[in-house]
Amino acid sequence: MACFLVPMTEAIVTTVVQKVVENKEKKTGVNHAEKTGLTWSRRLSWLNKLLWGGTILLAFEHLWHGEIVPWPPFLTAMENPADVAPMLHEVATIGVSMAVLVTIVWGIIIIIAEAKSRGLSEIKIAPVRGDQ
């Protein structure tokens, strides 16, 4: 019904934060890229792309199924007061879960990117005694 509103809200907030961080990086001239090649604004751009992409796909899917209409109140679940409670429950459960999952995936991507940029991806495993 309206589960895409939570990732969309997170995407709006992180887009604003990304712009603020970009401006701060430009003003100070100091960035994290010297060590790893990854600035915080670039990392946040990855999160924004994940969030906006998912939001657009979900909004299209809801539009396709007739859950979003081009006239107020825009969400068909809000036309009937009995449908508002299930819609809010879906937003609180499914929407929050999706936003948290996307953020966790982004965190894993950042960890992998940091490890690769620092050369930690080549972890050497000690041989087992029988393999020597």
Protein backbone atom coordinates (compact mmCIF):
# COMPACT_ATOMS: atom_id res chain seq x y z
CA MET A 1 0.00 0.00 0.00
CA ALA A 2 2.47 2.65 1.13
CA CYS A 3 5.54 0.74 2.28
CA PHE A 4 7.73 2.69 -0.17
CA LEU A 5 7.23 5.88 1.87
CA VAL A 6 9.77 4.82 4.52
CA PRO A 7 12.70 4.22 2.12
CA MET A 8 11.67 7.40 0.29
CA THR A 9 11.84 9.39 3.53
CA GLU A 10 15.25 7.91 4.31
CA ALA A 11 16.38 8.73 0.77
CA ILE A 12 15.30 12.36 1.17
CA VAL A 13 17.16 12.68 4.48
CA THR A 14 20.34 11.02 3.20
CA THR A 15 20.28 13.13 0.03
CA VAL A 16 20.23 16.29 2.15
CA VAL A 17 23.00 14.90 4.36
CA GLN A 18 25.05 13.99 1.27
CA LYS A 19 24.77 17.56 -0.08
CA VAL A 20 25.84 19.02 3.28
CA VAL A 21 28.80 16.61 3.49
CA GLU A 22 29.82 17.41 -0.12
CA ASN A 23 29.82 21.14 0.65
CA LYS A 24 31.82 20.56 3.84
CA GLU A 25 34.37 18.42 1.96
CA LYS A 26 34.74 21.11 -0.71
CA LYS A 27 35.18 23.89 1.87
CA THR A 28 37.72 22.10 4.04
CA GLY A 29 39.59 20.47 1.18
CA VAL A 30 40.25 17.54 3.49
CA ASN A 31 38.69 14.25 2.60
CA HIS A 32 38.94 10.59 3.40
CA ALA A 33 39.78 9.81 -0.21
CA GLU A 34 43.51 10.29 0.36
CA LYS A 35 43.67 7.06 2.35
CA THR A 36 41.01 4.89 0.73
CA GLY A 37 39.71 6.72 -2.33
CA LEU A 38 36.23 6.89 -0.80
CA THR A 39 34.75 10.15 0.43
CA TRP A 40 31.74 10.15 2.71
CA SER A 41 29.73 11.95 0.08
CA ARG A 42 30.52 9.17 -2.40
CA ARG A 43 29.52 6.52 0.13
CA LEU A 44 26.27 8.32 0.80
CA SER A 45 25.63 8.56 -2.93
CA TRP A 46 25.69 4.75 -3.07
CA LEU A 47 23.07 4.59 -0.31
CA ASN A 48 20.98 7.20 -2.08
CA LYS A 49 21.08 5.26 -5.33
CA LEU A 50 19.98 2.09 -3.56
CA LEU A 51 17.16 3.88 -1.74
CA TRP A 52 15.90 5.97 -4.67
CA GLY A 53 16.06 3.01 -7.03
CA GLY A 54 14.04 0.84 -4.67
CA THR A 55 11.58 3.65 -4.01
CA ILE A 56 10.97 4.24 -7.71
CA LEU A 57 10.50 0.53 -8.39
CA LEU A 58 8.11 0.11 -5.45
CA ALA A 59 6.13 3.23 -6.37
CA PHE A 60 5.79 1.96 -9.94
CA GLU A 61 4.66 -1.44 -8.67
CA HIS A 62 2.04 0.19 -6.43
CA LEU A 63 0.93 2.39 -9.34
CA TRP A 64 0.69 -0.66 -11.58
CA HIS A 65 -1.59 -2.42 -9.08
CA GLY A 66 -3.81 0.65 -8.66
CA GLU A 67 -2.76 1.42 -5.09
CA ILE A 68 -1.55 4.89 -6.10
CA VAL A 69 -3.77 7.24 -8.08
CA PRO A 70 -3.10 10.71 -9.57
CA TRP A 71 -5.81 12.40 -7.48
CA PRO A 72 -6.00 13.13 -3.73
CA PRO A 73 -5.54 11.37 -1.38
CA PHE A 74 -3.18 9.60 -3.87
CA LEU A 75 -3.13 6.36 -1.86
CA THR A 76 -6.25 4.28 -2.37
CA ALA A 77 -5.90 2.91 1.16
CA MET A 78 -6.65 6.38 2.52
CA GLU A 79 -10.02 6.60 0.76
CA ASN A 80 -11.61 4.25 3.28
CA PRO A 81 -10.91 4.95 6.98
CA ALA A 82 -10.97 1.20 7.68
CA ASP A 83 -7.96 0.74 5.37
CA VAL A 84 -5.77 3.34 7.09
CA ALA A 85 -4.81 1.15 10.06
CA PRO A 86 -3.59 -1.77 7.88
CA MET A 87 -1.72 0.71 5.70
CA LEU A 88 0.06 2.22 8.71
CA HIS A 89 0.87 -1.28 9.97
CA GLU A 90 2.40 -2.13 6.59
CA VAL A 91 4.44 1.07 6.64
CA ALA A 92 5.66 0.35 10.18
CA THR A 93 6.59 -3.26 9.49
CA ILE A 94 7.39 -3.78 5.81
CA GLY A 95 8.56 -0.25 5.04
CA VAL A 96 10.88 -0.02 8.04
CA SER A 97 12.22 -3.53 7.39
CA MET A 98 13.04 -2.65 3.77
CA ALA A 99 14.77 0.58 4.74
CA VAL A 100 16.83 -1.16 7.44
CA LEU A 101 17.77 -4.01 5.09
CA VAL A 102 18.91 -1.61 2.36
CA THR A 103 21.00 0.31 4.90
CA ILE A 104 22.59 -2.92 6.17
CA VAL A 105 23.42 -3.99 2.60
CA TRP A 106 24.95 -0.54 2.03
CA GLY A 107 27.04 -0.99 5.19
CA ILE A 108 28.32 -4.33 3.91
CA ILE A 109 29.18 -2.71 0.57
CA ILE A 110 31.14 0.00 2.42
CA ILE A 111 33.04 -2.58 4.48
CA ILE A 112 33.98 -4.52 1.34
CA ALA A 113 35.00 -1.35 -0.50
CA GLU A 114 37.14 -0.22 2.44
CA ALA A 115 38.80 -3.62 2.68
CA LYS A 116 39.57 -3.70 -1.04
CA SER A 117 40.90 -0.16 -1.09
CA ARG A 118 43.19 -0.87 1.86
CA GLY A 119 44.42 -4.15 0.39
CA LEU A 120 42.85 -6.26 3.11
CA SER A 121 40.97 -8.39 0.62
CA GLU A 122 43.99 -10.68 0.29
CA ILE A 123 43.68 -12.52 3.56
CA LYS A 124 46.22 -15.31 3.83
CA ILE A 125 45.05 -18.50 5.45
CA ALA A 126 47.61 -20.51 7.35
CA PRO A 127 48.08 -24.01 5.91
CA VAL A 128 46.83 -27.00 7.87
CA ARG A 129 49.66 -29.26 9.11
CA GLY A 130 48.83 -32.02 6.65
CA ASP A 131 48.96 -29.58 3.68
CA GLN A 132 52.59 -28.49 4.17
